[in-house]
């Protein structure tokens, strides 16, 4: 079984679209979807009726690392897929994952493109098909064997920002074989719509440098919140 884990905070509309996409896939694949809501989620998602392969967990915390760990612990699948609510997978999503793991890799990511036509966003997206300094970000949709995820200790719940990069660093330290699948996810450009292209890129670069230098996650979160305007309420755990 494959477990799709979606951490979310007030993402009702995006979840609706994403679950519609998975309806057909669920008919032909052994999969489950776990929506891990933050404790402050207020859009009523947990009250909705879902298909039997969808579970909703209301977590007791609001960090994305915590939400994903809770969902991973509850997952029944031997493969875990961590997908953001505002990211749309390609049609061969599940088969791409299974083929990658069948070929000897224990984890992987996807390349992506943005949902807005923009020359500069195309430049950003072009780097996601190969290894680089920004490889491992959450928008690339980590998929990993559950036994490997557990062996690495899951996400660091003390890492309130850039938990994805911290986990990827541990993957590399333990020499976990991974592959970047060059079949684009469709990623929301909403962060760029609420901020300038230059502002977002400079912020991303600054945060990554500070993270590599060992800056505390609380400090990183504080800097991020000062630099970047988001479409989510202030208490959102999202940094997508």
C-alpha atoms as a PDB file:
ATOM      1  CA  UNK A   1       0.000   0.000   0.000  1.00  0.00           C
ATOM      2  CA  UNK A   2       1.048   3.592  -0.662  1.00  0.00           C
ATOM      3  CA  UNK A   3       0.172   6.235   1.953  1.00  0.00           C
ATOM      4  CA  UNK A   4      -0.275   9.803   0.696  1.00  0.00           C
ATOM      5  CA  UNK A   5       0.264  12.208   3.604  1.00  0.00           C
ATOM      6  CA  UNK A   6      -1.023  15.774   3.226  1.00  0.00           C
ATOM      7  CA  UNK A   7      -0.238  18.247   6.034  1.00  0.00           C
ATOM      8  CA  UNK A   8      -2.764  21.073   5.894  1.00  0.00           C
ATOM      9  CA  UNK A   9      -3.986  24.228   7.556  1.00  0.00           C
ATOM     10  CA  UNK A  10      -7.143  25.852   6.159  1.00  0.00           C
ATOM     11  CA  UNK A  11      -6.613  24.339   2.703  1.00  0.00           C
ATOM     12  CA  UNK A  12     -10.223  23.295   2.051  1.00  0.00           C
ATOM     13  CA  UNK A  13     -10.356  24.363  -1.607  1.00  0.00           C
ATOM     14  CA  UNK A  14      -6.972  22.880  -2.522  1.00  0.00           C
ATOM     15  CA  UNK A  15      -7.830  19.636  -0.739  1.00  0.00           C
ATOM     16  CA  UNK A  16     -11.066  19.404  -2.720  1.00  0.00           C
ATOM     17  CA  UNK A  17      -9.176  19.616  -6.011  1.00  0.00           C
ATOM     18  CA  UNK A  18      -6.481  17.216  -4.875  1.00  0.00           C
ATOM     19  CA  UNK A  19      -8.942  14.579  -3.684  1.00  0.00           C
ATOM     20  CA  UNK A  20     -10.836  14.800  -6.969  1.00  0.00           C
ATOM     21  CA  UNK A  21      -7.573  13.967  -8.736  1.00  0.00           C
ATOM     22  CA  UNK A  22      -7.025  10.895  -6.551  1.00  0.00           C
ATOM     23  CA  UNK A  23     -10.536   9.487  -7.096  1.00  0.00           C
ATOM     24  CA  UNK A  24      -9.611   7.649 -10.295  1.00  0.00           C
ATOM     25  CA  UNK A  25      -6.181   6.617  -9.029  1.00  0.00           C
ATOM     26  CA  UNK A  26      -7.698   5.058  -5.909  1.00  0.00           C
ATOM     27  CA  UNK A  27      -9.789   2.698  -8.064  1.00  0.00           C
ATOM     28  CA  UNK A  28      -6.723   1.092  -9.641  1.00  0.00           C
ATOM     29  CA  UNK A  29      -4.134   1.434  -6.886  1.00  0.00           C
ATOM     30  CA  UNK A  30      -3.783   0.231  -3.322  1.00  0.00           C
ATOM     31  CA  UNK A  31      -3.475   3.567  -1.584  1.00  0.00           C
ATOM     32  CA  UNK A  32      -4.688   5.579   1.372  1.00  0.00           C
ATOM     33  CA  UNK A  33      -4.758   9.327   1.872  1.00  0.00           C
ATOM     34  CA  UNK A  34      -4.146  10.843   5.292  1.00  0.00           C
ATOM     35  CA  UNK A  35      -4.909  14.528   5.773  1.00  0.00           C
ATOM     36  CA  UNK A  36      -3.037  15.791   8.836  1.00  0.00           C
ATOM     37  CA  UNK A  37      -4.700  19.008   9.994  1.00  0.00           C
ATOM     38  CA  UNK A  38      -3.090  21.528  12.313  1.00  0.00           C
ATOM     39  CA  UNK A  39      -4.680  21.980  15.735  1.00  0.00           C
ATOM     40  CA  UNK A  40      -5.839  25.464  14.716  1.00  0.00           C
ATOM     41  CA  UNK A  41      -7.406  24.432  11.413  1.00  0.00           C
ATOM     42  CA  UNK A  42     -10.780  26.175  11.169  1.00  0.00           C
ATOM     43  CA  UNK A  43     -12.139  25.459   7.683  1.00  0.00           C
ATOM     44  CA  UNK A  44     -14.299  22.490   8.707  1.00  0.00           C
ATOM     45  CA  UNK A  45     -12.341  19.891   6.737  1.00  0.00           C
ATOM     46  CA  UNK A  46     -12.550  17.369   9.588  1.00  0.00           C
ATOM     47  CA  UNK A  47     -16.361  17.501   9.437  1.00  0.00           C
ATOM     48  CA  UNK A  48     -16.621  16.575   5.776  1.00  0.00           C
ATOM     49  CA  UNK A  49     -17.558  13.122   4.521  1.00  0.00           C
ATOM     50  CA  UNK A  50     -14.770  11.481   2.538  1.00  0.00           C
ATOM     51  CA  UNK A  51     -14.227   8.318   0.545  1.00  0.00           C
ATOM     52  CA  UNK A  52     -13.246   5.302   2.653  1.00  0.00           C
ATOM     53  CA  UNK A  53      -9.605   5.520   1.557  1.00  0.00           C
ATOM     54  CA  UNK A  54      -9.311   9.051   3.043  1.00  0.00           C
ATOM     55  CA  UNK A  55      -8.595   9.646   6.722  1.00  0.00           C
ATOM     56  CA  UNK A  56      -8.488  12.988   8.500  1.00  0.00           C
ATOM     57  CA  UNK A  57      -6.379  13.485  11.614  1.00  0.00           C
ATOM     58  CA  UNK A  58      -6.707  16.628  13.740  1.00  0.00           C
ATOM     59  CA  UNK A  59      -3.250  16.979  15.277  1.00  0.00           C
ATOM     60  CA  UNK A  60      -2.513  18.425  18.688  1.00  0.00           C
ATOM     61  CA  UNK A  61       0.166  20.723  17.300  1.00  0.00           C
ATOM     62  CA  UNK A  62       0.586  23.042  14.339  1.00  0.00           C
ATOM     63  CA  UNK A  63       4.066  22.393  12.964  1.00  0.00           C
ATOM     64  CA  UNK A  64       4.249  20.636   9.639  1.00  0.00           C
ATOM     65  CA  UNK A  65       6.942  18.238  10.916  1.00  0.00           C
ATOM     66  CA  UNK A  66       4.652  17.181  13.783  1.00  0.00           C
ATOM     67  CA  UNK A  67       1.646  16.757  11.490  1.00  0.00           C
ATOM     68  CA  UNK A  68       3.587  14.619   9.026  1.00  0.00           C
ATOM     69  CA  UNK A  69       5.084  12.456  11.777  1.00  0.00           C
ATOM     70  CA  UNK A  70       1.659  11.812  13.302  1.00  0.00           C
ATOM     71  CA  UNK A  71       0.270  10.804   9.924  1.00  0.00           C
ATOM     72  CA  UNK A  72       3.304   8.627   9.157  1.00  0.00           C
ATOM     73  CA  UNK A  73       2.871   6.763  12.437  1.00  0.00           C
ATOM     74  CA  UNK A  74      -0.778   6.075  11.562  1.00  0.00           C
ATOM     75  CA  UNK A  75      -0.046   5.106   7.942  1.00  0.00           C
ATOM     76  CA  UNK A  76      -0.642   1.524   6.867  1.00  0.00           C
ATOM     77  CA  UNK A  77       1.415   1.715   3.673  1.00  0.00           C
ATOM     78  CA  UNK A  78       4.977   0.518   3.222  1.00  0.00           C
ATOM     79  CA  UNK A  79       5.599   3.643   1.125  1.00  0.00           C
ATOM     80  CA  UNK A  80       5.079   7.179   2.464  1.00  0.00           C
ATOM     81  CA  UNK A  81       4.443  10.124   0.152  1.00  0.00           C
ATOM     82  CA  UNK A  82       4.496  13.648   1.606  1.00  0.00           C
ATOM     83  CA  UNK A  83       2.441  15.949  -0.605  1.00  0.00           C
ATOM     84  CA  UNK A  84       1.530  19.604  -0.095  1.00  0.00           C
ATOM     85  CA  UNK A  85      -2.155  20.462  -0.467  1.00  0.00           C
ATOM     86  CA  UNK A  86      -1.471  23.053  -3.176  1.00  0.00           C
ATOM     87  CA  UNK A  87       0.629  20.719  -5.352  1.00  0.00           C
ATOM     88  CA  UNK A  88      -0.978  18.711  -8.162  1.00  0.00           C
ATOM     89  CA  UNK A  89       0.695  15.427  -9.178  1.00  0.00           C
ATOM     90  CA  UNK A  90       1.176  14.164 -12.754  1.00  0.00           C
ATOM     91  CA  UNK A  91      -1.071  11.424 -14.099  1.00  0.00           C
ATOM     92  CA  UNK A  92       1.599   8.725 -13.668  1.00  0.00           C
ATOM     93  CA  UNK A  93       2.339   9.811 -10.086  1.00  0.00           C
ATOM     94  CA  UNK A  94       1.818   6.451  -8.348  1.00  0.00           C
ATOM     95  CA  UNK A  95       3.446   4.370 -11.085  1.00  0.00           C
ATOM     96  CA  UNK A  96       6.433   6.743 -11.158  1.00  0.00           C
ATOM     97  CA  UNK A  97       6.916   6.228  -7.426  1.00  0.00           C
ATOM     98  CA  UNK A  98       6.602   2.464  -7.584  1.00  0.00           C
ATOM     99  CA  UNK A  99       8.920   2.161 -10.579  1.00  0.00           C
ATOM    100  CA  UNK A 100      11.548   4.282  -8.845  1.00  0.00           C
ATOM    101  CA  UNK A 101      11.480   2.123  -5.720  1.00  0.00           C
ATOM    102  CA  UNK A 102      11.393  -1.094  -7.756  1.00  0.00           C
ATOM    103  CA  UNK A 103      14.582   0.064  -9.479  1.00  0.00           C
ATOM    104  CA  UNK A 104      16.530  -0.003  -6.231  1.00  0.00           C
ATOM    105  CA  UNK A 105      16.051   3.503  -4.872  1.00  0.00           C
ATOM    106  CA  UNK A 106      14.721   3.923  -1.344  1.00  0.00           C
ATOM    107  CA  UNK A 107      13.402   7.453  -1.729  1.00  0.00           C
ATOM    108  CA  UNK A 108      12.804  10.117  -4.315  1.00  0.00           C
ATOM    109  CA  UNK A 109      11.458  13.500  -5.308  1.00  0.00           C
ATOM    110  CA  UNK A 110       9.769  15.039  -8.350  1.00  0.00           C
ATOM    111  CA  UNK A 111      10.712  17.912 -10.596  1.00  0.00           C
ATOM    112  CA  UNK A 112       8.062  20.598 -10.826  1.00  0.00           C
ATOM    113  CA  UNK A 113       6.737  23.598 -12.696  1.00  0.00           C
ATOM    114  CA  UNK A 114       4.545  26.440 -11.482  1.00  0.00           C
ATOM    115  CA  UNK A 115       0.853  26.924 -12.223  1.00  0.00           C
ATOM    116  CA  UNK A 116       1.512  30.417 -13.651  1.00  0.00           C
ATOM    117  CA  UNK A 117       3.244  31.254 -16.921  1.00  0.00           C
ATOM    118  CA  UNK A 118       6.194  33.401 -15.959  1.00  0.00           C
ATOM    119  CA  UNK A 119       9.710  33.493 -17.425  1.00  0.00           C
ATOM    120  CA  UNK A 120      11.431  33.809 -14.047  1.00  0.00           C
ATOM    121  CA  UNK A 121       9.354  31.042 -12.476  1.00  0.00           C
ATOM    122  CA  UNK A 122      10.359  28.790 -15.369  1.00  0.00           C
ATOM    123  CA  UNK A 123      13.983  29.478 -14.511  1.00  0.00           C
ATOM    124  CA  UNK A 124      13.356  28.494 -10.889  1.00  0.00           C
ATOM    125  CA  UNK A 125      11.537  25.320 -11.882  1.00  0.00           C
ATOM    126  CA  UNK A 126      14.235  24.295 -14.359  1.00  0.00           C
ATOM    127  CA  UNK A 127      16.608  23.557 -11.478  1.00  0.00           C
ATOM    128  CA  UNK A 128      14.275  21.029  -9.834  1.00  0.00           C
ATOM    129  CA  UNK A 129      15.040  18.242 -12.291  1.00  0.00           C
ATOM    130  CA  UNK A 130      18.587  17.760 -11.009  1.00  0.00           C
ATOM    131  CA  UNK A 131      20.467  17.808  -7.721  1.00  0.00           C
ATOM    132  CA  UNK A 132      21.290  21.234  -6.361  1.00  0.00           C
ATOM    133  CA  UNK A 133      21.340  23.379  -3.232  1.00  0.00           C
ATOM    134  CA  UNK A 134      17.531  23.548  -3.108  1.00  0.00           C
ATOM    135  CA  UNK A 135      16.914  19.821  -3.675  1.00  0.00           C
ATOM    136  CA  UNK A 136      14.736  18.262  -1.000  1.00  0.00           C
ATOM    137  CA  UNK A 137      12.244  21.078  -0.523  1.00  0.00           C
ATOM    138  CA  UNK A 138       8.701  20.062   0.364  1.00  0.00           C
ATOM    139  CA  UNK A 139       7.234  21.128  -2.973  1.00  0.00           C
ATOM    140  CA  UNK A 140       9.249  18.334  -4.606  1.00  0.00           C
ATOM    141  CA  UNK A 141       7.130  15.735  -2.786  1.00  0.00           C
ATOM    142  CA  UNK A 142       9.347  13.342  -0.853  1.00  0.00           C
ATOM    143  CA  UNK A 143       8.433   9.682  -1.214  1.00  0.00           C
ATOM    144  CA  UNK A 144      10.263   7.107   0.865  1.00  0.00           C
ATOM    145  CA  UNK A 145       9.999   3.564   2.145  1.00  0.00           C
ATOM    146  CA  UNK A 146       8.384   3.647   5.567  1.00  0.00           C
ATOM    147  CA  UNK A 147      11.096   1.492   7.118  1.00  0.00           C
ATOM    148  CA  UNK A 148      13.744   3.988   5.984  1.00  0.00           C
ATOM    149  CA  UNK A 149      11.718   6.949   7.258  1.00  0.00           C
ATOM    150  CA  UNK A 150      11.405   5.274  10.648  1.00  0.00           C
ATOM    151  CA  UNK A 151      15.082   4.331  10.734  1.00  0.00           C
ATOM    152  CA  UNK A 152      16.010   7.983  10.192  1.00  0.00           C
ATOM    153  CA  UNK A 153      13.711   9.041  13.031  1.00  0.00           C
ATOM    154  CA  UNK A 154      11.126  10.889  10.950  1.00  0.00           C
ATOM    155  CA  UNK A 155      11.015  14.656  10.719  1.00  0.00           C
ATOM    156  CA  UNK A 156      12.636  16.716  13.455  1.00  0.00           C
ATOM    157  CA  UNK A 157       9.660  18.281  15.251  1.00  0.00           C
ATOM    158  CA  UNK A 158      11.908  20.947  16.760  1.00  0.00           C
ATOM    159  CA  UNK A 159      12.592  22.167  13.208  1.00  0.00           C
ATOM    160  CA  UNK A 160       9.655  24.551  12.798  1.00  0.00           C
ATOM    161  CA  UNK A 161      10.877  25.704   9.370  1.00  0.00           C
ATOM    162  CA  UNK A 162      12.836  23.861   6.680  1.00  0.00           C
ATOM    163  CA  UNK A 163      12.093  20.484   8.228  1.00  0.00           C
ATOM    164  CA  UNK A 164      12.243  19.060   4.711  1.00  0.00           C
ATOM    165  CA  UNK A 165      15.849  20.200   4.141  1.00  0.00           C
ATOM    166  CA  UNK A 166      16.896  18.963   7.580  1.00  0.00           C
ATOM    167  CA  UNK A 167      15.468  15.528   6.810  1.00  0.00           C
ATOM    168  CA  UNK A 168      17.138  15.486   3.385  1.00  0.00           C
ATOM    169  CA  UNK A 169      20.491  16.274   5.023  1.00  0.00           C
ATOM    170  CA  UNK A 170      20.055  13.161   7.182  1.00  0.00           C
ATOM    171  CA  UNK A 171      19.135  11.131   4.106  1.00  0.00           C
ATOM    172  CA  UNK A 172      22.384  12.133   2.445  1.00  0.00           C
ATOM    173  CA  UNK A 173      24.419  11.549   5.621  1.00  0.00           C
ATOM    174  CA  UNK A 174      23.068   7.983   5.765  1.00  0.00           C
ATOM    175  CA  UNK A 175      23.593   7.560   2.018  1.00  0.00           C
ATOM    176  CA  UNK A 176      19.965   6.732   1.261  1.00  0.00           C
ATOM    177  CA  UNK A 177      19.753   6.161  -2.515  1.00  0.00           C
ATOM    178  CA  UNK A 178      17.221   8.531  -4.068  1.00  0.00           C
ATOM    179  CA  UNK A 179      16.135   9.697  -7.497  1.00  0.00           C
ATOM    180  CA  UNK A 180      14.558  12.871  -8.832  1.00  0.00           C
ATOM    181  CA  UNK A 181      11.698  11.839 -11.109  1.00  0.00           C
ATOM    182  CA  UNK A 182      11.608  14.179 -14.090  1.00  0.00           C
ATOM    183  CA  UNK A 183       7.844  14.292 -14.439  1.00  0.00           C
ATOM    184  CA  UNK A 184       6.631  17.671 -13.275  1.00  0.00           C
ATOM    185  CA  UNK A 185       4.354  18.291 -10.346  1.00  0.00           C
ATOM    186  CA  UNK A 186       2.259  21.448 -10.722  1.00  0.00           C
ATOM    187  CA  UNK A 187       3.147  23.778  -7.852  1.00  0.00           C
ATOM    188  CA  UNK A 188       1.141  26.796  -6.728  1.00  0.00           C
ATOM    189  CA  UNK A 189       2.790  30.160  -7.362  1.00  0.00           C
ATOM    190  CA  UNK A 190       0.720  31.838  -4.636  1.00  0.00           C
ATOM    191  CA  UNK A 191       3.768  32.802  -2.581  1.00  0.00           C
ATOM    192  CA  UNK A 192       5.106  34.713  -5.573  1.00  0.00           C
ATOM    193  CA  UNK A 193       1.710  36.325  -6.138  1.00  0.00           C
ATOM    194  CA  UNK A 194       1.733  37.737  -2.603  1.00  0.00           C
ATOM    195  CA  UNK A 195       5.386  38.790  -2.817  1.00  0.00           C
ATOM    196  CA  UNK A 196       7.773  39.840  -5.561  1.00  0.00           C
ATOM    197  CA  UNK A 197       9.901  37.279  -7.387  1.00  0.00           C
ATOM    198  CA  UNK A 198      13.091  38.906  -6.102  1.00  0.00           C
ATOM    199  CA  UNK A 199      11.786  39.062  -2.530  1.00  0.00           C
ATOM    200  CA  UNK A 200      10.924  35.348  -2.460  1.00  0.00           C
ATOM    201  CA  UNK A 201      14.201  34.234  -4.042  1.00  0.00           C
ATOM    202  CA  UNK A 202      16.343  36.398  -1.801  1.00  0.00           C
ATOM    203  CA  UNK A 203      14.417  35.152   1.221  1.00  0.00           C
ATOM    204  CA  UNK A 204      14.834  31.523   0.152  1.00  0.00           C
ATOM    205  CA  UNK A 205      18.558  32.002  -0.394  1.00  0.00           C
ATOM    206  CA  UNK A 206      19.043  33.783   2.936  1.00  0.00           C
ATOM    207  CA  UNK A 207      17.102  31.144   4.868  1.00  0.00           C
ATOM    208  CA  UNK A 208      19.012  28.304   3.233  1.00  0.00           C
ATOM    209  CA  UNK A 209      22.384  29.916   3.995  1.00  0.00           C
ATOM    210  CA  UNK A 210      21.394  30.545   7.614  1.00  0.00           C
ATOM    211  CA  UNK A 211      20.076  26.980   7.909  1.00  0.00           C
ATOM    212  CA  UNK A 212      23.375  25.574   6.598  1.00  0.00           C
ATOM    213  CA  UNK A 213      25.208  27.773   9.108  1.00  0.00           C
ATOM    214  CA  UNK A 214      23.242  26.213  11.948  1.00  0.00           C
ATOM    215  CA  UNK A 215      20.803  29.032  12.692  1.00  0.00           C
ATOM    216  CA  UNK A 216      18.016  27.884  15.028  1.00  0.00           C
ATOM    217  CA  UNK A 217      14.703  26.986  13.436  1.00  0.00           C
ATOM    218  CA  UNK A 218      12.858  29.493  15.624  1.00  0.00           C
ATOM    219  CA  UNK A 219      15.115  32.253  14.310  1.00  0.00           C
ATOM    220  CA  UNK A 220      14.590  31.058  10.737  1.00  0.00           C
ATOM    221  CA  UNK A 221      10.820  31.095  11.253  1.00  0.00           C
ATOM    222  CA  UNK A 222      10.970  34.625  12.657  1.00  0.00           C
ATOM    223  CA  UNK A 223      12.989  35.847   9.664  1.00  0.00           C
ATOM    224  CA  UNK A 224      10.634  34.077   7.232  1.00  0.00           C
ATOM    225  CA  UNK A 225       7.566  35.657   8.816  1.00  0.00           C
ATOM    226  CA  UNK A 226       9.095  39.118   8.561  1.00  0.00           C
ATOM    227  CA  UNK A 227      10.126  38.735   4.934  1.00  0.00           C
ATOM    228  CA  UNK A 228       7.288  36.746   3.349  1.00  0.00           C
ATOM    229  CA  UNK A 229       3.573  37.477   3.204  1.00  0.00           C
ATOM    230  CA  UNK A 230       1.404  34.375   2.901  1.00  0.00           C
ATOM    231  CA  UNK A 231      -2.211  33.678   1.957  1.00  0.00           C
ATOM    232  CA  UNK A 232      -2.692  31.629   5.141  1.00  0.00           C
ATOM    233  CA  UNK A 233      -3.642  33.085   8.541  1.00  0.00           C
ATOM    234  CA  UNK A 234      -0.766  34.004  10.884  1.00  0.00           C
ATOM    235  CA  UNK A 235      -0.906  30.745  12.826  1.00  0.00           C
ATOM    236  CA  UNK A 236      -0.454  28.612   9.729  1.00  0.00           C
ATOM    237  CA  UNK A 237       2.333  26.024   9.819  1.00  0.00           C
ATOM    238  CA  UNK A 238       2.741  26.315   6.075  1.00  0.00           C
ATOM    239  CA  UNK A 239       5.945  27.613   4.539  1.00  0.00           C
ATOM    240  CA  UNK A 240       5.132  26.455   1.051  1.00  0.00           C
END
